[in-house]
N, C-alpha and C. Protein backbone atom coordinates (compact mmCIF):
# COMPACT_ATOMS: atom_id res chain seq x y z
N UNK A 1 1.09 -1.07 0.14
CA UNK A 1 -0.26 -0.27 0.31
C UNK A 1 1.31 1.47 -0.48
N UNK A 2 0.79 2.11 -1.06
CA UNK A 2 1.06 3.49 -0.91
C UNK A 2 1.33 4.75 -0.27
N UNK A 3 1.71 5.34 0.26
CA UNK A 3 1.21 6.32 1.01
C UNK A 3 -0.17 7.17 0.75
N UNK A 4 -0.35 7.21 -0.86
CA UNK A 4 -1.44 8.02 -1.02
C UNK A 4 -2.70 7.14 -0.56
N UNK A 5 -2.39 5.90 -0.81
CA UNK A 5 -3.51 4.81 -0.35
C UNK A 5 -3.57 5.00 0.77
N UNK A 6 -2.36 5.00 1.75
CA UNK A 6 -2.61 4.92 3.13
C UNK A 6 -3.38 6.36 3.83
N UNK A 7 -2.77 7.47 3.60
CA UNK A 7 -3.51 8.81 3.52
C UNK A 7 -4.97 9.16 3.30
N UNK A 8 -5.26 8.04 2.18
CA UNK A 8 -6.57 8.46 1.71
C UNK A 8 -7.76 8.85 2.66
N UNK A 9 -8.42 10.24 2.27
CA UNK A 9 -9.29 10.52 3.68
C UNK A 9 -8.89 11.24 4.84
N UNK A 10 -7.40 11.82 4.68
CA UNK A 10 -7.15 11.91 5.69
C UNK A 10 -7.47 13.78 6.10
N UNK A 11 -7.96 14.36 7.20
CA UNK A 11 -8.69 15.56 7.37
C UNK A 11 -8.47 15.92 8.53
N UNK A 12 -8.24 17.58 8.31
CA UNK A 12 -8.20 17.56 10.12
C UNK A 12 -9.82 18.00 10.52
N UNK A 13 -9.59 17.37 11.81
CA UNK A 13 -10.58 17.27 12.62
C UNK A 13 -10.76 18.64 13.43
N UNK A 14 -12.14 18.56 13.30
CA UNK A 14 -12.77 19.84 14.55
C UNK A 14 -12.39 19.65 15.63
N UNK A 15 -11.71 20.52 16.65
CA UNK A 15 -11.21 20.07 18.04
C UNK A 15 -11.82 21.05 18.75
N UNK A 16 -11.52 20.67 20.16
CA UNK A 16 -11.84 21.93 21.08
C UNK A 16 -12.17 21.16 22.01
N UNK A 17 -11.93 22.23 23.72
CA UNK A 17 -12.45 21.71 25.11
C UNK A 17 -13.53 21.27 25.02
N UNK A 18 -14.19 20.01 25.84
CA UNK A 18 -15.68 19.66 26.28
C UNK A 18 -16.06 20.11 27.20
N UNK A 19 -17.35 20.35 27.49
CA UNK A 19 -17.86 21.19 29.25
C UNK A 19 -17.14 20.43 30.33
N UNK A 20 -15.98 19.57 30.25
CA UNK A 20 -15.42 18.88 31.52
C UNK A 20 -13.98 19.23 31.37
N UNK A 21 -13.77 20.53 30.16
CA UNK A 21 -11.78 20.73 30.02
C UNK A 21 -11.21 19.73 29.56
N UNK A 22 -11.50 18.21 29.01
CA UNK A 22 -10.95 17.28 28.36
C UNK A 22 -10.99 18.03 26.65
N UNK A 23 -9.93 17.46 26.49
CA UNK A 23 -9.67 18.03 25.16
C UNK A 23 -10.43 17.02 24.07
N UNK A 24 -11.13 16.95 22.76
CA UNK A 24 -11.68 16.44 22.36
C UNK A 24 -11.53 16.90 20.77
N UNK A 25 -12.10 15.58 19.71
CA UNK A 25 -12.10 15.97 18.57
C UNK A 25 -13.46 15.46 18.24
N UNK A 26 -13.97 15.83 16.80
CA UNK A 26 -14.60 14.97 15.82
C UNK A 26 -14.19 14.99 14.31
N UNK A 27 -14.56 14.08 14.45
CA UNK A 27 -14.37 12.77 13.03
C UNK A 27 -15.75 12.87 12.52
N UNK A 28 -16.05 13.71 11.41
CA UNK A 28 -17.24 13.62 10.39
C UNK A 28 -17.26 12.63 9.79
N UNK A 29 -18.09 11.85 9.59
CA UNK A 29 -18.27 10.14 8.95
C UNK A 29 -18.38 10.65 7.25
N UNK A 30 -18.95 11.64 7.08
CA UNK A 30 -18.87 11.91 5.80
C UNK A 30 -17.58 12.24 4.85
N UNK A 31 -16.79 12.94 5.71
CA UNK A 31 -15.38 13.09 4.76
C UNK A 31 -15.01 11.85 4.78
N UNK A 32 -15.48 10.74 5.45
CA UNK A 32 -14.30 9.56 4.69
C UNK A 32 -15.76 8.80 3.95
N UNK A 33 -16.45 9.29 3.15
CA UNK A 33 -17.68 8.76 2.18
C UNK A 33 -18.35 7.77 3.25
N UNK A 34 -18.91 7.93 4.55
CA UNK A 34 -19.74 7.26 5.39
C UNK A 34 -19.03 5.68 5.76
N UNK A 35 -17.78 5.23 5.65
CA UNK A 35 -16.87 4.36 5.23
C UNK A 35 -17.21 3.50 6.76
N UNK A 36 -17.48 2.05 6.77
CA UNK A 36 -16.86 1.33 7.87
C UNK A 36 -15.48 0.97 8.00
N UNK A 37 -15.41 0.15 9.19
CA UNK A 37 -13.79 -0.21 9.03
C UNK A 37 -12.83 0.55 9.99
N UNK A 38 -11.77 0.12 10.05
CA UNK A 38 -11.14 0.95 10.93
C UNK A 38 -10.53 2.53 10.82
N UNK A 39 -10.99 2.88 11.87
CA UNK A 39 -10.34 4.73 11.79
C UNK A 39 -9.00 4.38 12.49
N UNK A 40 -7.75 5.31 11.94
CA UNK A 40 -6.88 5.38 13.13
C UNK A 40 -6.38 7.42 12.92
N UNK A 41 -6.39 7.32 13.75
CA UNK A 41 -6.33 9.06 14.25
C UNK A 41 -4.82 9.35 14.45
N UNK A 42 -3.76 10.07 14.43
CA UNK A 42 -2.63 10.77 14.74
C UNK A 42 -2.75 11.76 15.74
N UNK A 43 -2.16 12.12 16.84
CA UNK A 43 -2.87 13.20 17.39
C UNK A 43 -1.31 13.68 17.67
N UNK A 44 -1.09 15.03 17.22
CA UNK A 44 -0.28 15.98 17.76
C UNK A 44 -0.22 17.16 18.16
N UNK A 45 1.10 17.05 19.16
CA UNK A 45 0.99 18.74 19.97
C UNK A 45 2.42 19.05 19.74
N UNK A 46 2.68 20.18 19.11
CA UNK A 46 3.22 21.24 18.85
C UNK A 46 3.95 20.83 17.75
N UNK A 47 3.40 20.05 16.91
CA UNK A 47 4.43 19.75 15.53
C UNK A 47 5.21 18.26 15.66
N UNK A 48 4.55 17.74 16.98
CA UNK A 48 5.31 16.05 16.92
C UNK A 48 3.91 15.05 17.83
N UNK A 49 4.15 14.04 16.96
CA UNK A 49 3.38 13.05 17.46
C UNK A 49 3.13 12.55 18.90
N UNK A 50 2.38 12.90 19.47
CA UNK A 50 2.14 12.68 20.89
C UNK A 50 1.20 11.13 21.07
N UNK A 51 0.37 10.59 20.03
CA UNK A 51 -0.34 9.66 20.54
C UNK A 51 -1.17 9.14 19.20
N UNK A 52 -1.48 7.49 19.05
CA UNK A 52 -2.44 7.46 18.06
C UNK A 52 -3.48 6.62 18.31
N UNK A 53 -4.33 6.69 17.98
CA UNK A 53 -5.62 5.76 18.24
C UNK A 53 -6.34 5.05 17.37
N UNK A 54 -6.86 3.71 17.32
CA UNK A 54 -7.52 2.73 16.56
C UNK A 54 -9.14 2.92 17.02
N UNK A 55 -10.02 2.74 15.76
CA UNK A 55 -11.18 2.82 16.47
C UNK A 55 -11.69 1.91 15.52
N UNK A 56 -12.44 0.80 15.63
CA UNK A 56 -12.86 -0.33 14.52
C UNK A 56 -14.68 0.63 14.58
N UNK A 57 -14.91 1.22 13.61
CA UNK A 57 -16.89 1.95 13.46
C UNK A 57 -17.21 0.56 12.50
N UNK A 58 -18.30 0.31 13.16
CA UNK A 58 -19.45 -0.39 12.13
C UNK A 58 -20.87 0.11 12.06
N UNK A 59 -21.46 0.27 11.15
CA UNK A 59 -22.09 1.14 10.58
C UNK A 59 -23.10 0.75 10.56
N UNK A 60 -23.91 -0.25 11.81
CA UNK A 60 -25.15 -0.97 11.69
C UNK A 60 -26.87 -0.91 11.79
N UNK A 61 -26.51 0.40 11.73
CA UNK A 61 -28.24 0.74 12.10
C UNK A 61 -28.97 1.02 10.53
N UNK A 62 -30.24 0.27 10.72
CA UNK A 62 -30.90 0.67 9.82
C UNK A 62 -32.49 1.54 10.17
N UNK A 63 -32.74 2.43 9.04
CA UNK A 63 -33.83 2.91 9.23
C UNK A 63 -35.24 2.68 8.63
N UNK A 64 -36.21 2.14 9.20
CA UNK A 64 -37.38 2.07 9.10
C UNK A 64 -38.98 2.93 8.49
N UNK A 65 -39.05 3.11 7.25
CA UNK A 65 -39.61 4.52 6.92
C UNK A 65 -40.72 4.22 5.96
N UNK A 66 -41.82 4.48 5.91
CA UNK A 66 -42.67 3.73 4.64
C UNK A 66 -42.38 4.72 3.34
N UNK A 67 -42.29 3.93 1.94
CA UNK A 67 -42.38 4.50 1.50
C UNK A 67 -43.22 5.66 0.70
N UNK A 68 -44.57 5.29 1.04
CA UNK A 68 -45.26 6.63 0.76
C UNK A 68 -46.98 6.24 1.60
N UNK A 69 -47.46 7.64 1.72
CA UNK A 69 -48.22 7.72 3.34
C UNK A 69 -49.63 8.53 2.87
N UNK A 70 -51.01 8.11 2.73
CA UNK A 70 -51.77 9.48 2.71
C UNK A 70 -51.64 10.23 4.06
N UNK A 71 -51.43 11.61 3.48
CA UNK A 71 -52.02 12.68 4.45
C UNK A 71 -53.40 12.86 5.86
N UNK A 72 -54.36 12.10 4.65
CA UNK A 72 -55.55 11.64 5.61
C UNK A 72 -55.47 10.33 7.28
N UNK A 73 -54.13 10.13 7.22
CA UNK A 73 -53.84 8.87 8.01
C UNK A 73 -52.98 10.18 9.51
N UNK A 74 -52.71 11.29 8.97
CA UNK A 74 -52.27 12.04 10.03
C UNK A 74 -51.02 12.24 10.48
N UNK A 75 -50.13 11.30 10.29
CA UNK A 75 -48.85 11.01 10.62
C UNK A 75 -48.60 9.75 10.22
N UNK A 76 -46.76 9.03 10.50
CA UNK A 76 -46.28 8.27 9.66
C UNK A 76 -45.41 8.19 11.25
N UNK A 77 -44.86 6.82 10.91
CA UNK A 77 -43.57 6.08 12.55
C UNK A 77 -42.59 6.20 11.43
N UNK A 78 -41.03 6.62 12.49
CA UNK A 78 -39.92 6.28 11.32
C UNK A 78 -38.96 5.43 12.74
N UNK A 79 -38.37 4.88 12.52
CA UNK A 79 -37.33 3.88 13.40
C UNK A 79 -36.22 3.56 12.44
N UNK A 80 -35.45 3.48 14.08
CA UNK A 80 -33.97 3.11 14.03
C UNK A 80 -34.01 1.92 14.38
N UNK A 81 -33.59 1.19 14.20
CA UNK A 81 -32.54 -0.03 14.37
C UNK A 81 -31.22 -0.65 14.37
N UNK A 82 -30.61 -0.73 15.73
CA UNK A 82 -29.58 -0.97 15.62
C UNK A 82 -28.90 -0.37 16.31
N UNK A 83 -29.58 0.69 16.78
CA UNK A 83 -28.60 1.67 18.53
C UNK A 83 -28.00 0.75 19.25
N UNK A 84 -27.06 1.76 19.04
CA UNK A 84 -25.85 0.58 20.43
C UNK A 84 -26.28 1.41 21.56
N UNK A 85 -26.16 0.24 23.24
CA UNK A 85 -26.62 0.55 24.00
C UNK A 85 -25.86 2.35 24.53
N UNK A 86 -24.74 2.71 24.17
CA UNK A 86 -24.25 3.84 24.87
C UNK A 86 -24.78 5.05 24.65
N UNK A 87 -25.96 5.07 23.97
CA UNK A 87 -27.12 6.12 23.31
C UNK A 87 -27.91 6.47 24.35
N UNK A 88 -28.03 7.38 24.84
CA UNK A 88 -28.91 8.31 25.81
C UNK A 88 -29.74 8.67 25.13
N UNK A 89 -29.94 9.23 23.99
CA UNK A 89 -31.28 10.03 23.34
C UNK A 89 -30.44 10.00 21.96
N UNK A 90 -32.36 9.87 21.36
CA UNK A 90 -31.69 9.95 19.52
C UNK A 90 -33.02 10.86 19.19
N UNK A 91 -32.44 11.85 18.78
CA UNK A 91 -33.42 13.23 17.67
C UNK A 91 -33.67 12.91 16.36
N UNK A 92 -34.74 13.38 16.05
CA UNK A 92 -35.26 13.05 14.56
C UNK A 92 -35.80 14.38 14.31
N UNK A 93 -34.65 14.97 12.95
CA UNK A 93 -35.08 16.27 12.51
C UNK A 93 -35.75 16.23 11.11
N UNK A 94 -36.76 16.83 11.06
CA UNK A 94 -37.81 16.46 9.79
C UNK A 94 -38.19 17.58 9.64
N UNK A 95 -38.31 17.76 8.12
CA UNK A 95 -38.84 19.05 7.23
C UNK A 95 -39.37 18.15 5.74
N UNK A 96 -39.64 19.15 4.96
CA UNK A 96 -40.97 18.43 3.87
C UNK A 96 -40.01 19.83 2.86
N UNK A 97 -40.23 18.92 1.44
CA UNK A 97 -39.41 19.88 0.86
C UNK A 97 -39.81 20.71 -0.09
N UNK A 98 -41.54 20.92 0.50
CA UNK A 98 -42.27 22.02 -0.48
C UNK A 98 -41.44 23.11 0.47
N UNK A 99 -41.26 24.34 0.09
CA UNK A 99 -41.17 25.45 0.36
C UNK A 99 -39.58 25.86 1.18
N UNK A 100 -38.94 24.78 0.71
CA UNK A 100 -37.38 24.98 1.49
C UNK A 100 -37.48 24.04 2.80
N UNK A 101 -37.10 24.42 3.96
CA UNK A 101 -36.72 24.11 5.07
C UNK A 101 -37.82 24.98 5.96
N UNK A 102 -38.98 25.70 5.49
CA UNK A 102 -39.71 26.28 6.23
C UNK A 102 -40.13 25.89 7.80
N UNK A 103 -40.20 24.48 7.32
CA UNK A 103 -41.01 23.98 8.67
C UNK A 103 -39.81 22.53 9.73
N UNK A 104 -38.67 23.01 9.76
CA UNK A 104 -37.96 22.27 10.59
C UNK A 104 -38.26 22.05 11.49
N UNK A 105 -38.66 20.37 12.28
CA UNK A 105 -38.88 20.36 13.52
C UNK A 105 -37.75 18.92 14.17
N UNK A 106 -37.21 19.13 15.11
CA UNK A 106 -36.44 18.76 16.22
C UNK A 106 -37.14 17.62 16.90
N UNK A 107 -37.30 16.55 17.27
CA UNK A 107 -38.56 15.71 18.04
C UNK A 107 -37.38 14.24 18.26
N UNK A 108 -37.51 14.85 19.83
CA UNK A 108 -36.82 13.71 20.70
C UNK A 108 -37.34 12.40 20.16
N UNK A 109 -36.73 11.01 19.68
CA UNK A 109 -37.83 9.88 19.44
C UNK A 109 -37.46 9.05 20.81
N UNK A 110 -38.00 7.92 21.13
CA UNK A 110 -37.77 7.06 22.69
C UNK A 110 -38.00 5.48 22.29
N UNK A 111 -37.20 5.55 23.68
CA UNK A 111 -36.75 3.75 22.84
C UNK A 111 -37.68 2.67 23.03
N UNK A 112 -38.13 2.05 21.94
CA UNK A 112 -39.40 0.80 21.59
C UNK A 112 -38.53 -0.84 21.79
N UNK A 113 -37.35 -0.54 22.04
CA UNK A 113 -36.98 -2.37 22.09
C UNK A 113 -35.53 -1.88 22.52
N UNK A 114 -34.44 -3.16 22.84
CA UNK A 114 -33.19 -3.05 23.53
C UNK A 114 -32.58 -1.86 22.30
N UNK A 115 -32.06 -1.89 21.18
CA UNK A 115 -31.93 -1.19 19.76
C UNK A 115 -32.36 -0.52 19.16
N UNK A 116 -34.07 -0.27 19.51
CA UNK A 116 -34.65 0.45 18.36
C UNK A 116 -35.43 1.94 19.10
N UNK A 117 -35.21 2.48 18.25
CA UNK A 117 -36.18 4.30 18.78
C UNK A 117 -36.65 4.10 17.62
N UNK A 118 -38.19 4.92 17.79
CA UNK A 118 -39.23 5.51 17.23
C UNK A 118 -39.27 6.98 17.04
N UNK A 119 -39.67 7.66 16.43
CA UNK A 119 -40.73 9.02 16.51
C UNK A 119 -41.57 8.75 15.35
N UNK A 120 -42.84 9.20 16.32
CA UNK A 120 -44.16 9.61 15.12
C UNK A 120 -43.95 11.04 14.87
N UNK A 121 -43.86 11.23 13.05
CA UNK A 121 -44.65 12.38 12.90
C UNK A 121 -45.58 12.79 12.16
N UNK A 122 -46.33 13.63 13.22
CA UNK A 122 -47.90 14.14 12.46
C UNK A 122 -47.21 14.96 11.59
N UNK A 123 -48.35 15.46 10.63
CA UNK A 123 -48.80 16.55 9.53
C UNK A 123 -48.80 17.92 10.19
N UNK A 124 -49.39 17.40 11.12
CA UNK A 124 -50.15 18.95 11.68
C UNK A 124 -48.79 19.82 11.99
N UNK A 125 -47.25 19.07 12.38
CA UNK A 125 -46.42 20.23 12.34
C UNK A 125 -45.23 20.44 11.08
N UNK A 126 -46.39 20.19 9.84
CA UNK A 126 -45.68 20.47 8.92
C UNK A 126 -46.37 21.06 8.01
N UNK A 127 -47.21 21.45 8.14
CA UNK A 127 -48.30 22.73 7.07
C UNK A 127 -49.38 21.61 6.50
N UNK A 128 -49.48 20.26 7.30
CA UNK A 128 -50.18 19.42 6.36
C UNK A 128 -49.88 19.59 4.98
N UNK A 129 -48.30 19.88 4.45
CA UNK A 129 -48.03 19.13 3.13
C UNK A 129 -48.00 18.50 2.94
N UNK A 130 -48.59 17.95 1.72
CA UNK A 130 -47.94 16.74 0.34
C UNK A 130 -46.50 17.32 0.07
N UNK A 131 -46.63 15.56 -0.40
CA UNK A 131 -44.75 16.34 -1.11
C UNK A 131 -43.73 15.53 -0.04
N UNK A 132 -42.53 15.44 -0.28
CA UNK A 132 -41.32 14.25 0.25
C UNK A 132 -41.26 15.19 1.22
N UNK A 133 -41.41 14.18 2.56
CA UNK A 133 -40.90 14.78 4.07
C UNK A 133 -39.42 13.78 4.31
N UNK A 134 -38.83 14.39 4.93
CA UNK A 134 -37.43 14.14 4.99
C UNK A 134 -36.83 14.37 6.67
N UNK A 135 -36.04 13.20 6.77
CA UNK A 135 -35.10 13.03 8.25
C UNK A 135 -34.50 12.52 8.02
N UNK A 136 -33.87 13.15 9.27
CA UNK A 136 -32.16 13.14 9.49
C UNK A 136 -32.38 12.65 11.09
N UNK A 137 -31.60 11.40 11.30
CA UNK A 137 -31.39 10.56 12.78
C UNK A 137 -30.07 10.97 13.29
N UNK A 138 -30.00 11.35 14.78
CA UNK A 138 -29.15 11.56 15.28
C UNK A 138 -29.08 10.98 16.72
N UNK A 139 -28.05 10.44 17.35
CA UNK A 139 -27.89 9.83 18.40
C UNK A 139 -26.74 10.87 19.37
N UNK A 140 -27.23 10.72 20.56
CA UNK A 140 -26.36 11.48 21.35
C UNK A 140 -25.77 10.19 22.58
N UNK A 141 -24.41 10.37 23.27
CA UNK A 141 -24.28 9.96 24.45
C UNK A 141 -24.23 10.73 25.36
N UNK A 142 -23.44 10.15 26.81
CA UNK A 142 -24.20 10.51 28.27
C UNK A 142 -23.35 11.68 28.08
N UNK A 143 -21.90 12.33 27.08
CA UNK A 143 -21.18 13.32 27.07
C UNK A 143 -21.75 14.32 26.27
N UNK A 144 -22.87 13.85 25.90
CA UNK A 144 -23.51 15.26 24.40
C UNK A 144 -23.17 14.59 23.24
N UNK A 145 -22.18 13.79 22.66
CA UNK A 145 -21.76 13.60 21.45
C UNK A 145 -22.37 13.19 20.52
N UNK A 146 -22.67 13.62 19.54
CA UNK A 146 -23.52 12.75 18.21
C UNK A 146 -23.31 12.94 16.75
N UNK A 147 -23.55 11.80 17.04
CA UNK A 147 -23.27 11.38 15.29
C UNK A 147 -25.07 10.99 14.96
N UNK A 148 -24.95 11.26 13.20
CA UNK A 148 -25.63 10.73 12.58
C UNK A 148 -26.02 9.83 12.31
N UNK A 149 -27.07 8.82 12.58
CA UNK A 149 -27.50 7.54 12.36
C UNK A 149 -28.17 7.07 11.18
N UNK A 150 -28.55 8.12 10.56
CA UNK A 150 -29.39 7.59 9.41
C UNK A 150 -30.07 8.39 9.40
N UNK A 151 -30.96 8.37 7.94
CA UNK A 151 -31.97 9.26 7.73
C UNK A 151 -33.19 8.21 6.36
N UNK A 152 -33.97 9.44 5.95
CA UNK A 152 -34.89 8.73 4.97
C UNK A 152 -35.67 9.24 4.90
N UNK A 153 -36.53 9.13 3.60
CA UNK A 153 -37.66 10.35 2.92
C UNK A 153 -38.87 9.63 2.49
N UNK A 154 -40.09 10.22 2.85
CA UNK A 154 -41.62 9.54 2.32
C UNK A 154 -41.98 10.40 2.08
N UNK A 155 -43.15 10.06 0.53
CA UNK A 155 -43.54 11.00 0.06
C UNK A 155 -45.17 10.55 0.75
N UNK A 156 -45.78 11.74 1.18
CA UNK A 156 -47.18 12.09 1.13
C UNK A 156 -47.74 12.45 -0.07
N UNK A 157 -49.01 12.07 -0.38
CA UNK A 157 -49.77 11.50 -1.11
C UNK A 157 -51.16 12.48 -0.61
C-alpha cells in the first residue's frame, strides 16, 4: 500500500475542549464517505506526534420508514434499528421539500426495544403539506457527543 492509499481521506478534525475541560475531536464520517472499518487517528502536539488511536466503526443501523403515506392518516412512524447501548437519546430532524426548510422540527425519539428508537411525525407540524418529507436521525451519548445514524424520506399523498 503506497502513501496515497494509506492517507486517503485524511482530514483535519474539529477540535476543542468539552464542557469538562478534556480535549476532544470530532471525526465527521461524511468526510470519509461514511465508510465502515478501522479509523486511525494520529494526535500531534506542537508538530510532534503524541499519540495514535484506532477505532473500529461498524455502521449497523437501519432506518424503517414507509415509502408512501396518505395525508389523511395524520402521521407516520420512523424507526431506527441497531442503535448502540451507549446512546442516551435519539433526535429526529424532519422537514418537507415544499417551500425549502421552512418547517424544520427537531423531536426526541423514544426507545421501543433494546436497540430500536421511534418517532411519530404528525403532518400538522408540517403545514399539512403533501410531497417529500425528509428525516435525519442523530444519536447522543452521555457526554453529549452526536453522530448522524441514518436518514429517510417518505412521499405523502
